[in-house]
Amino acid sequence: MKEGEAELARLRSVEGDKLAEQDRSAQLEKEVAMLREKIHHLDD
């Protein structure tokens, strides 16, 4: 999750007008959300 967040932050900081970067960013956000949900489930 931290690696994904770091990559997401890096992608956001770079000029991100390209369509591929936006798709990757959306995909990483989904992965981060999914990982947070898994972590919450594992904690329980």
All heavy atoms as atom14 arrays in JSON, in Angstrom:
{
  "sequence": "MKEGEAELARLRSVEGDKLAEQDRSAQLEKEVAMLREKIHHLDD",
  "atom14_mask": [
    [1, 1, 1, 1, 1, 1, 1, 1, 0, 0, 0, 0, 0, 0],
    [1, 1, 1, 1, 1, 1, 1, 1, 1, 0, 0, 0, 0, 0],
    [1, 1, 1, 1, 1, 1, 1, 1, 1, 0, 0, 0, 0, 0],
    [1, 1, 1, 1, 0, 0, 0, 0, 0, 0, 0, 0, 0, 0],
    [1, 1, 1, 1, 1, 1, 1, 1, 1, 0, 0, 0, 0, 0],
    [1, 1, 1, 1, 1, 0, 0, 0, 0, 0, 0, 0, 0, 0],
    [1, 1, 1, 1, 1, 1, 1, 1, 1, 0, 0, 0, 0, 0],
    [1, 1, 1, 1, 1, 1, 1, 1, 0, 0, 0, 0, 0, 0],
    [1, 1, 1, 1, 1, 0, 0, 0, 0, 0, 0, 0, 0, 0],
    [1, 1, 1, 1, 1, 1, 1, 1, 1, 1, 1, 0, 0, 0],
    [1, 1, 1, 1, 1, 1, 1, 1, 0, 0, 0, 0, 0, 0],
    [1, 1, 1, 1, 1, 1, 1, 1, 1, 1, 1, 0, 0, 0],
    [1, 1, 1, 1, 1, 1, 0, 0, 0, 0, 0, 0, 0, 0],
    [1, 1, 1, 1, 1, 1, 1, 0, 0, 0, 0, 0, 0, 0],
    [1, 1, 1, 1, 1, 1, 1, 1, 1, 0, 0, 0, 0, 0],
    [1, 1, 1, 1, 0, 0, 0, 0, 0, 0, 0, 0, 0, 0],
    [1, 1, 1, 1, 1, 1, 1, 1, 0, 0, 0, 0, 0, 0],
    [1, 1, 1, 1, 1, 1, 1, 1, 1, 0, 0, 0, 0, 0],
    [1, 1, 1, 1, 1, 1, 1, 1, 0, 0, 0, 0, 0, 0],
    [1, 1, 1, 1, 1, 0, 0, 0, 0, 0, 0, 0, 0, 0],
    [1, 1, 1, 1, 1, 1, 1, 1, 1, 0, 0, 0, 0, 0],
    [1, 1, 1, 1, 1, 1, 1, 1, 1, 0, 0, 0, 0, 0],
    [1, 1, 1, 1, 1, 1, 1, 1, 0, 0, 0, 0, 0, 0],
    [1, 1, 1, 1, 1, 1, 1, 1, 1, 1, 1, 0, 0, 0],
    [1, 1, 1, 1, 1, 1, 0, 0, 0, 0, 0, 0, 0, 0],
    [1, 1, 1, 1, 1, 0, 0, 0, 0, 0, 0, 0, 0, 0],
    [1, 1, 1, 1, 1, 1, 1, 1, 1, 0, 0, 0, 0, 0],
    [1, 1, 1, 1, 1, 1, 1, 1, 0, 0, 0, 0, 0, 0],
    [1, 1, 1, 1, 1, 1, 1, 1, 1, 0, 0, 0, 0, 0],
    [1, 1, 1, 1, 1, 1, 1, 1, 1, 0, 0, 0, 0, 0],
    [1, 1, 1, 1, 1, 1, 1, 1, 1, 0, 0, 0, 0, 0],
    [1, 1, 1, 1, 1, 1, 1, 0, 0, 0, 0, 0, 0, 0],
    [1, 1, 1, 1, 1, 0, 0, 0, 0, 0, 0, 0, 0, 0],
    [1, 1, 1, 1, 1, 1, 1, 1, 0, 0, 0, 0, 0, 0],
    [1, 1, 1, 1, 1, 1, 1, 1, 0, 0, 0, 0, 0, 0],
    [1, 1, 1, 1, 1, 1, 1, 1, 1, 1, 1, 0, 0, 0],
    [1, 1, 1, 1, 1, 1, 1, 1, 1, 0, 0, 0, 0, 0],
    [1, 1, 1, 1, 1, 1, 1, 1, 1, 0, 0, 0, 0, 0],
    [1, 1, 1, 1, 1, 1, 1, 1, 0, 0, 0, 0, 0, 0],
    [1, 1, 1, 1, 1, 1, 1, 1, 1, 1, 0, 0, 0, 0],
    [1, 1, 1, 1, 1, 1, 1, 1, 1, 1, 0, 0, 0, 0],
    [1, 1, 1, 1, 1, 1, 1, 1, 0, 0, 0, 0, 0, 0],
    [1, 1, 1, 1, 1, 1, 1, 1, 0, 0, 0, 0, 0, 0],
    [1, 1, 1, 1, 1, 1, 1, 1, 0, 0, 0, 0, 0, 0]
  ],
  "atom14_positions": [
    [[0.84, -1.2, 0.0], [0.0, 0.0, 0.0], [0.88, 1.26, 0.0], [0.63, 2.2, -0.76], [-0.92, 0.02, 1.23], [-1.88, 1.2, 1.24], [-2.88, 1.26, 2.72], [-1.69, 1.82, 3.91], [0.0, 0.0, 0.0], [0.0, 0.0, 0.0], [0.0, 0.0, 0.0], [0.0, 0.0, 0.0], [0.0, 0.0, 0.0], [0.0, 0.0, 0.0]],
    [[1.92, 1.25, 0.79], [2.81, 2.41, 0.84], [3.53, 2.61, -0.49], [3.7, 3.74, -0.94], [3.81, 2.26, 1.99], [3.16, 2.45, 3.35], [4.15, 2.33, 4.47], [3.41, 2.49, 5.79], [4.28, 2.36, 6.94], [0.0, 0.0, 0.0], [0.0, 0.0, 0.0], [0.0, 0.0, 0.0], [0.0, 0.0, 0.0], [0.0, 0.0, 0.0]],
    [[3.93, 1.49, -1.11], [4.57, 1.6, -2.42], [3.6, 2.17, -3.45], [3.96, 3.03, -4.26], [5.07, 0.22, -2.87], [6.27, -0.29, -2.11], [6.6, -1.74, -2.45], [5.85, -2.38, -3.24], [7.6, -2.24, -1.92], [0.0, 0.0, 0.0], [0.0, 0.0, 0.0], [0.0, 0.0, 0.0], [0.0, 0.0, 0.0], [0.0, 0.0, 0.0]],
    [[2.35, 1.67, -3.38], [1.33, 2.18, -4.31], [1.06, 3.65, -4.09], [0.92, 4.43, -5.05], [0.0, 0.0, 0.0], [0.0, 0.0, 0.0], [0.0, 0.0, 0.0], [0.0, 0.0, 0.0], [0.0, 0.0, 0.0], [0.0, 0.0, 0.0], [0.0, 0.0, 0.0], [0.0, 0.0, 0.0], [0.0, 0.0, 0.0], [0.0, 0.0, 0.0]],
    [[0.97, 4.06, -2.83], [0.74, 5.47, -2.52], [1.92, 6.33, -2.99], [1.74, 7.43, -3.51], [0.51, 5.66, -1.02], [-0.84, 5.16, -0.54], [-1.01, 5.25, 0.97], [0.0, 5.33, 1.7], [-2.18, 5.24, 1.4], [0.0, 0.0, 0.0], [0.0, 0.0, 0.0], [0.0, 0.0, 0.0], [0.0, 0.0, 0.0], [0.0, 0.0, 0.0]],
    [[3.13, 5.78, -2.81], [4.32, 6.52, -3.25], [4.32, 6.68, -4.77], [4.6, 7.78, -5.3], [5.58, 5.81, -2.78], [0.0, 0.0, 0.0], [0.0, 0.0, 0.0], [0.0, 0.0, 0.0], [0.0, 0.0, 0.0], [0.0, 0.0, 0.0], [0.0, 0.0, 0.0], [0.0, 0.0, 0.0], [0.0, 0.0, 0.0], [0.0, 0.0, 0.0]],
    [[3.97, 5.61, -5.47], [3.94, 5.69, -6.92], [2.82, 6.63, -7.38], [2.99, 7.41, -8.32], [3.74, 4.3, -7.53], [3.88, 4.3, -9.06], [3.81, 2.9, -9.64], [3.96, 1.91, -8.9], [3.59, 2.81, -10.85], [0.0, 0.0, 0.0], [0.0, 0.0, 0.0], [0.0, 0.0, 0.0], [0.0, 0.0, 0.0], [0.0, 0.0, 0.0]],
    [[1.69, 6.56, -6.68], [0.57, 7.45, -7.0], [0.98, 8.91, -6.79], [0.7, 9.77, -7.63], [-0.64, 7.1, -6.13], [-1.93, 7.86, -6.38], [-2.43, 7.63, -7.8], [-2.98, 7.42, -5.38], [0.0, 0.0, 0.0], [0.0, 0.0, 0.0], [0.0, 0.0, 0.0], [0.0, 0.0, 0.0], [0.0, 0.0, 0.0], [0.0, 0.0, 0.0]],
    [[1.66, 9.18, -5.71], [2.12, 10.54, -5.45], [3.12, 11.0, -6.51], [3.09, 12.16, -6.96], [2.74, 10.61, -4.06], [0.0, 0.0, 0.0], [0.0, 0.0, 0.0], [0.0, 0.0, 0.0], [0.0, 0.0, 0.0], [0.0, 0.0, 0.0], [0.0, 0.0, 0.0], [0.0, 0.0, 0.0], [0.0, 0.0, 0.0], [0.0, 0.0, 0.0]],
    [[3.99, 10.08, -6.92], [4.96, 10.4, -7.95], [4.27, 10.71, -9.28], [4.6, 11.68, -9.96], [5.95, 9.24, -8.13], [7.1, 9.55, -9.09], [7.97, 8.34, -9.34], [7.25, 7.19, -9.88], [6.89, 7.05, -11.16], [7.16, 8.0, -12.03], [6.25, 5.99, -11.56], [0.0, 0.0, 0.0], [0.0, 0.0, 0.0], [0.0, 0.0, 0.0]],
    [[3.27, 9.89, -9.59], [2.55, 10.13, -10.85], [1.79, 11.46, -10.82], [1.67, 12.14, -11.84], [1.57, 8.97, -11.12], [2.2, 7.65, -11.59], [1.12, 6.58, -11.69], [2.89, 7.82, -12.94], [0.0, 0.0, 0.0], [0.0, 0.0, 0.0], [0.0, 0.0, 0.0], [0.0, 0.0, 0.0], [0.0, 0.0, 0.0], [0.0, 0.0, 0.0]],
    [[1.26, 11.78, -9.66], [0.52, 13.05, -9.56], [1.46, 14.24, -9.67], [1.08, 15.3, -10.2], [-0.22, 13.11, -8.21], [-1.44, 12.24, -8.19], [-2.16, 12.37, -6.85], [-3.32, 11.48, -6.8], [-3.89, 11.07, -5.7], [-3.42, 11.46, -4.53], [-4.93, 10.27, -5.73], [0.0, 0.0, 0.0], [0.0, 0.0, 0.0], [0.0, 0.0, 0.0]],
    [[2.69, 14.1, -9.13], [3.63, 15.22, -9.17], [4.18, 15.46, -10.58], [4.51, 16.58, -10.95], [4.76, 14.98, -8.17], [5.55, 13.89, -8.6], [0.0, 0.0, 0.0], [0.0, 0.0, 0.0], [0.0, 0.0, 0.0], [0.0, 0.0, 0.0], [0.0, 0.0, 0.0], [0.0, 0.0, 0.0], [0.0, 0.0, 0.0], [0.0, 0.0, 0.0]],
    [[4.33, 14.41, -11.34], [4.79, 14.55, -12.73], [3.62, 15.09, -13.54], [2.45, 14.85, -13.22], [5.25, 13.16, -13.26], [5.63, 13.25, -14.73], [6.4, 12.63, -12.43], [0.0, 0.0, 0.0], [0.0, 0.0, 0.0], [0.0, 0.0, 0.0], [0.0, 0.0, 0.0], [0.0, 0.0, 0.0], [0.0, 0.0, 0.0], [0.0, 0.0, 0.0]],
    [[3.95, 15.82, -14.56], [2.86, 16.33, -15.39], [2.02, 15.15, -15.84], [2.49, 14.27, -16.55], [3.42, 17.11, -16.58], [4.03, 18.43, -16.18], [4.49, 19.23, -17.39], [3.96, 19.04, -18.49], [5.39, 20.05, -17.2], [0.0, 0.0, 0.0], [0.0, 0.0, 0.0], [0.0, 0.0, 0.0], [0.0, 0.0, 0.0], [0.0, 0.0, 0.0]],
    [[0.81, 15.15, -15.39], [-0.04, 13.98, -15.59], [-1.18, 14.2, -16.55], [-2.26, 13.72, -16.27], [0.0, 0.0, 0.0], [0.0, 0.0, 0.0], [0.0, 0.0, 0.0], [0.0, 0.0, 0.0], [0.0, 0.0, 0.0], [0.0, 0.0, 0.0], [0.0, 0.0, 0.0], [0.0, 0.0, 0.0], [0.0, 0.0, 0.0], [0.0, 0.0, 0.0]],
    [[-0.93, 14.91, -17.61], [-2.01, 15.13, -18.56], [-2.17, 13.96, -19.53], [-3.18, 13.9, -20.24], [-1.77, 16.42, -19.36], [-1.94, 17.64, -18.47], [-2.61, 17.52, -17.42], [-1.4, 18.7, -18.82], [0.0, 0.0, 0.0], [0.0, 0.0, 0.0], [0.0, 0.0, 0.0], [0.0, 0.0, 0.0], [0.0, 0.0, 0.0], [0.0, 0.0, 0.0]],
    [[-1.22, 13.06, -19.51], [-1.3, 11.98, -20.47], [-2.39, 11.0, -20.03], [-2.57, 10.72, -18.84], [0.03, 11.26, -20.59], [1.12, 12.14, -21.17], [2.42, 11.39, -21.21], [3.53, 12.31, -21.66], [4.82, 11.67, -21.61], [0.0, 0.0, 0.0], [0.0, 0.0, 0.0], [0.0, 0.0, 0.0], [0.0, 0.0, 0.0], [0.0, 0.0, 0.0]],
    [[-3.07, 10.43, -20.95], [-4.18, 9.52, -20.68], [-3.71, 8.24, -20.0], [-4.36, 7.73, -19.09], [-4.9, 9.18, -21.99], [-6.17, 8.33, -21.87], [-7.2, 9.02, -20.99], [-6.74, 8.05, -23.26], [0.0, 0.0, 0.0], [0.0, 0.0, 0.0], [0.0, 0.0, 0.0], [0.0, 0.0, 0.0], [0.0, 0.0, 0.0], [0.0, 0.0, 0.0]],
    [[-2.56, 7.71, -20.38], [-2.04, 6.47, -19.8], [-1.73, 6.66, -18.32], [-2.01, 5.77, -17.5], [-0.8, 6.03, -20.54], [0.0, 0.0, 0.0], [0.0, 0.0, 0.0], [0.0, 0.0, 0.0], [0.0, 0.0, 0.0], [0.0, 0.0, 0.0], [0.0, 0.0, 0.0], [0.0, 0.0, 0.0], [0.0, 0.0, 0.0], [0.0, 0.0, 0.0]],
    [[-1.16, 7.8, -17.98], [-0.84, 8.07, -16.59], [-2.1, 8.22, -15.76], [-2.14, 7.79, -14.6], [0.05, 9.31, -16.48], [1.46, 9.08, -16.98], [2.31, 10.34, -16.9], [1.79, 11.42, -16.6], [3.52, 10.21, -17.14], [0.0, 0.0, 0.0], [0.0, 0.0, 0.0], [0.0, 0.0, 0.0], [0.0, 0.0, 0.0], [0.0, 0.0, 0.0]],
    [[-3.14, 8.81, -16.35], [-4.4, 8.95, -15.63], [-5.03, 7.58, -15.37], [-5.56, 7.33, -14.27], [-5.37, 9.85, -16.41], [-4.96, 11.31, -16.42], [-5.9, 12.14, -17.28], [-6.77, 11.64, -17.97], [-5.7, 13.46, -17.25], [0.0, 0.0, 0.0], [0.0, 0.0, 0.0], [0.0, 0.0, 0.0], [0.0, 0.0, 0.0], [0.0, 0.0, 0.0]],
    [[-4.95, 6.7, -16.35], [-5.49, 5.34, -16.17], [-4.72, 4.59, -15.07], [-5.31, 3.92, -14.23], [-5.44, 4.55, -17.48], [-6.48, 5.03, -18.48], [-7.44, 5.72, -18.06], [-6.33, 4.73, -19.69], [0.0, 0.0, 0.0], [0.0, 0.0, 0.0], [0.0, 0.0, 0.0], [0.0, 0.0, 0.0], [0.0, 0.0, 0.0], [0.0, 0.0, 0.0]],
    [[-3.4, 4.72, -15.16], [-2.56, 4.06, -14.13], [-2.86, 4.62, -12.75], [-2.93, 3.88, -11.76], [-1.08, 4.25, -14.48], [-0.11, 3.64, -13.5], [-0.13, 2.12, -13.54], [0.84, 1.59, -12.59], [0.66, 0.5, -11.89], [-0.44, -0.21, -12.04], [1.57, 0.07, -11.05], [0.0, 0.0, 0.0], [0.0, 0.0, 0.0], [0.0, 0.0, 0.0]],
    [[-3.05, 5.91, -12.68], [-3.38, 6.57, -11.41], [-4.7, 6.05, -10.86], [-4.82, 5.72, -9.68], [-3.43, 8.08, -11.61], [-3.83, 8.73, -10.44], [0.0, 0.0, 0.0], [0.0, 0.0, 0.0], [0.0, 0.0, 0.0], [0.0, 0.0, 0.0], [0.0, 0.0, 0.0], [0.0, 0.0, 0.0], [0.0, 0.0, 0.0], [0.0, 0.0, 0.0]],
    [[-5.7, 5.93, -11.71], [-7.01, 5.43, -11.27], [-6.88, 3.97, -10.82], [-7.47, 3.57, -9.8], [-8.02, 5.56, -12.4], [0.0, 0.0, 0.0], [0.0, 0.0, 0.0], [0.0, 0.0, 0.0], [0.0, 0.0, 0.0], [0.0, 0.0, 0.0], [0.0, 0.0, 0.0], [0.0, 0.0, 0.0], [0.0, 0.0, 0.0], [0.0, 0.0, 0.0]],
    [[-6.09, 3.19, -11.56], [-5.89, 1.79, -11.21], [-5.2, 1.68, -9.85], [-5.58, 0.86, -9.0], [-5.06, 1.1, -12.29], [-4.84, -0.38, -12.03], [-3.91, -1.01, -13.06], [-3.45, -0.36, -14.0], [-3.64, -2.29, -12.88], [0.0, 0.0, 0.0], [0.0, 0.0, 0.0], [0.0, 0.0, 0.0], [0.0, 0.0, 0.0], [0.0, 0.0, 0.0]],
    [[-4.18, 2.51, -9.63], [-3.47, 2.48, -8.35], [-4.38, 2.91, -7.2], [-4.3, 2.36, -6.1], [-2.22, 3.37, -8.41], [-1.05, 2.8, -9.21], [0.05, 3.86, -9.33], [-0.51, 1.53, -8.57], [0.0, 0.0, 0.0], [0.0, 0.0, 0.0], [0.0, 0.0, 0.0], [0.0, 0.0, 0.0], [0.0, 0.0, 0.0], [0.0, 0.0, 0.0]],
    [[-5.22, 3.88, -7.44], [-6.16, 4.31, -6.41], [-7.11, 3.18, -6.03], [-7.41, 2.97, -4.85], [-6.94, 5.54, -6.87], [-6.13, 6.82, -6.84], [-6.91, 8.03, -7.35], [-8.12, 7.91, -7.6], [-6.3, 9.09, -7.47], [0.0, 0.0, 0.0], [0.0, 0.0, 0.0], [0.0, 0.0, 0.0], [0.0, 0.0, 0.0], [0.0, 0.0, 0.0]],
    [[-7.56, 2.43, -7.05], [-8.43, 1.29, -6.78], [-7.68, 0.22, -5.98], [-8.23, -0.37, -5.03], [-8.95, 0.68, -8.09], [-10.0, 1.51, -8.76], [-10.46, 0.86, -10.06], [-11.44, 1.75, -10.81], [-11.83, 1.16, -12.11], [0.0, 0.0, 0.0], [0.0, 0.0, 0.0], [0.0, 0.0, 0.0], [0.0, 0.0, 0.0], [0.0, 0.0, 0.0]],
    [[-6.42, -0.03, -6.36], [-5.62, -1.01, -5.64], [-5.4, -0.6, -4.19], [-5.5, -1.42, -3.28], [-4.26, -1.2, -6.32], [-4.28, -2.11, -7.52], [-2.89, -2.36, -8.07], [-1.93, -2.5, -7.27], [-2.75, -2.42, -9.3], [0.0, 0.0, 0.0], [0.0, 0.0, 0.0], [0.0, 0.0, 0.0], [0.0, 0.0, 0.0], [0.0, 0.0, 0.0]],
    [[-5.1, 0.68, -3.99], [-4.89, 1.19, -2.64], [-6.16, 1.02, -1.82], [-6.13, 0.58, -0.66], [-4.41, 2.66, -2.67], [-4.5, 3.29, -1.29], [-2.99, 2.74, -3.2], [0.0, 0.0, 0.0], [0.0, 0.0, 0.0], [0.0, 0.0, 0.0], [0.0, 0.0, 0.0], [0.0, 0.0, 0.0], [0.0, 0.0, 0.0], [0.0, 0.0, 0.0]],
    [[-7.31, 1.34, -2.4], [-8.58, 1.2, -1.68], [-8.83, -0.27, -1.35], [-9.27, -0.61, -0.23], [-9.72, 1.77, -2.52], [0.0, 0.0, 0.0], [0.0, 0.0, 0.0], [0.0, 0.0, 0.0], [0.0, 0.0, 0.0], [0.0, 0.0, 0.0], [0.0, 0.0, 0.0], [0.0, 0.0, 0.0], [0.0, 0.0, 0.0], [0.0, 0.0, 0.0]],
    [[-8.56, -1.16, -2.31], [-8.75, -2.59, -2.1], [-7.81, -3.1, -1.01], [-8.21, -3.88, -0.12], [-8.51, -3.34, -3.4], [-8.9, -4.8, -3.33], [-8.75, -5.63, -4.92], [-6.99, -5.61, -5.16], [0.0, 0.0, 0.0], [0.0, 0.0, 0.0], [0.0, 0.0, 0.0], [0.0, 0.0, 0.0], [0.0, 0.0, 0.0], [0.0, 0.0, 0.0]],
    [[-6.55, -2.64, -1.04], [-5.58, -3.06, -0.03], [-5.98, -2.56, 1.36], [-5.82, -3.27, 2.35], [-4.17, -2.57, -0.4], [-3.53, -3.28, -1.59], [-2.23, -2.57, -1.97], [-3.27, -4.75, -1.29], [0.0, 0.0, 0.0], [0.0, 0.0, 0.0], [0.0, 0.0, 0.0], [0.0, 0.0, 0.0], [0.0, 0.0, 0.0], [0.0, 0.0, 0.0]],
    [[-6.49, -1.35, 1.43], [-6.96, -0.83, 2.73], [-8.09, -1.7, 3.27], [-8.15, -1.99, 4.46], [-7.43, 0.62, 2.57], [-6.31, 1.6, 2.53], [-6.82, 3.04, 2.59], [-5.69, 3.95, 2.57], [-5.61, 5.02, 1.8], [-6.6, 5.32, 0.98], [-4.55, 5.78, 1.84], [0.0, 0.0, 0.0], [0.0, 0.0, 0.0], [0.0, 0.0, 0.0]],
    [[-8.99, -2.12, 2.38], [-10.11, -2.97, 2.79], [-9.59, -4.32, 3.28], [-10.04, -4.83, 4.31], [-11.07, -3.17, 1.61], [-12.35, -3.88, 1.99], [-13.32, -3.96, 0.82], [-13.42, -3.0, 0.04], [-13.95, -5.02, 0.69], [0.0, 0.0, 0.0], [0.0, 0.0, 0.0], [0.0, 0.0, 0.0], [0.0, 0.0, 0.0], [0.0, 0.0, 0.0]],
    [[-8.6, -4.89, 2.56], [-8.01, -6.17, 2.98], [-7.32, -6.03, 4.34], [-7.43, -6.9, 5.2], [-7.0, -6.67, 1.95], [-7.61, -7.32, 0.75], [-6.51, -7.89, -0.16], [-7.1, -8.61, -1.35], [-6.05, -9.17, -2.22], [0.0, 0.0, 0.0], [0.0, 0.0, 0.0], [0.0, 0.0, 0.0], [0.0, 0.0, 0.0], [0.0, 0.0, 0.0]],
    [[-6.61, -4.93, 4.51], [-5.91, -4.69, 5.78], [-6.93, -4.58, 6.91], [-6.73, -5.15, 7.99], [-5.03, -3.43, 5.7], [-3.82, -3.71, 4.82], [-4.58, -2.96, 7.08], [-3.0, -2.49, 4.49], [0.0, 0.0, 0.0], [0.0, 0.0, 0.0], [0.0, 0.0, 0.0], [0.0, 0.0, 0.0], [0.0, 0.0, 0.0], [0.0, 0.0, 0.0]],
    [[-8.01, -3.86, 6.67], [-9.05, -3.71, 7.68], [-9.63, -5.09, 8.03], [-9.82, -5.43, 9.21], [-10.16, -2.77, 7.18], [-11.26, -2.58, 8.16], [-11.1, -1.89, 9.33], [-12.55, -3.03, 8.14], [-12.24, -1.91, 10.0], [-13.14, -2.6, 9.31], [0.0, 0.0, 0.0], [0.0, 0.0, 0.0], [0.0, 0.0, 0.0], [0.0, 0.0, 0.0]],
    [[-9.9, -5.91, 7.01], [-10.43, -7.25, 7.22], [-9.43, -8.11, 8.01], [-9.81, -8.83, 8.94], [-10.76, -7.89, 5.87], [-11.29, -9.28, 5.97], [-12.54, -9.55, 6.49], [-10.75, -10.47, 5.61], [-12.73, -10.86, 6.46], [-11.67, -11.43, 5.92], [0.0, 0.0, 0.0], [0.0, 0.0, 0.0], [0.0, 0.0, 0.0], [0.0, 0.0, 0.0]],
    [[-8.16, -8.05, 7.64], [-7.13, -8.82, 8.35], [-7.0, -8.37, 9.8], [-6.8, -9.2, 10.7], [-5.78, -8.69, 7.64], [-5.57, -9.62, 6.47], [-4.25, -9.3, 5.78], [-5.58, -11.07, 6.9], [0.0, 0.0, 0.0], [0.0, 0.0, 0.0], [0.0, 0.0, 0.0], [0.0, 0.0, 0.0], [0.0, 0.0, 0.0], [0.0, 0.0, 0.0]],
    [[-7.09, -7.06, 10.03], [-7.05, -6.56, 11.41], [-8.18, -7.15, 12.23], [-7.97, -7.58, 13.37], [-7.14, -5.03, 11.43], [-5.82, -4.36, 11.08], [-4.77, -5.04, 11.16], [-5.85, -3.16, 10.73], [0.0, 0.0, 0.0], [0.0, 0.0, 0.0], [0.0, 0.0, 0.0], [0.0, 0.0, 0.0], [0.0, 0.0, 0.0], [0.0, 0.0, 0.0]],
    [[-9.38, -7.19, 11.64], [-10.53, -7.77, 12.35], [-10.3, -9.25, 12.65], [-10.57, -9.72, 13.76], [-11.82, -7.6, 11.54], [-12.3, -6.16, 11.47], [-11.81, -5.33, 12.29], [-13.16, -5.86, 10.62], [0.0, 0.0, 0.0], [0.0, 0.0, 0.0], [0.0, 0.0, 0.0], [0.0, 0.0, 0.0], [0.0, 0.0, 0.0], [0.0, 0.0, 0.0]]
  ]
}
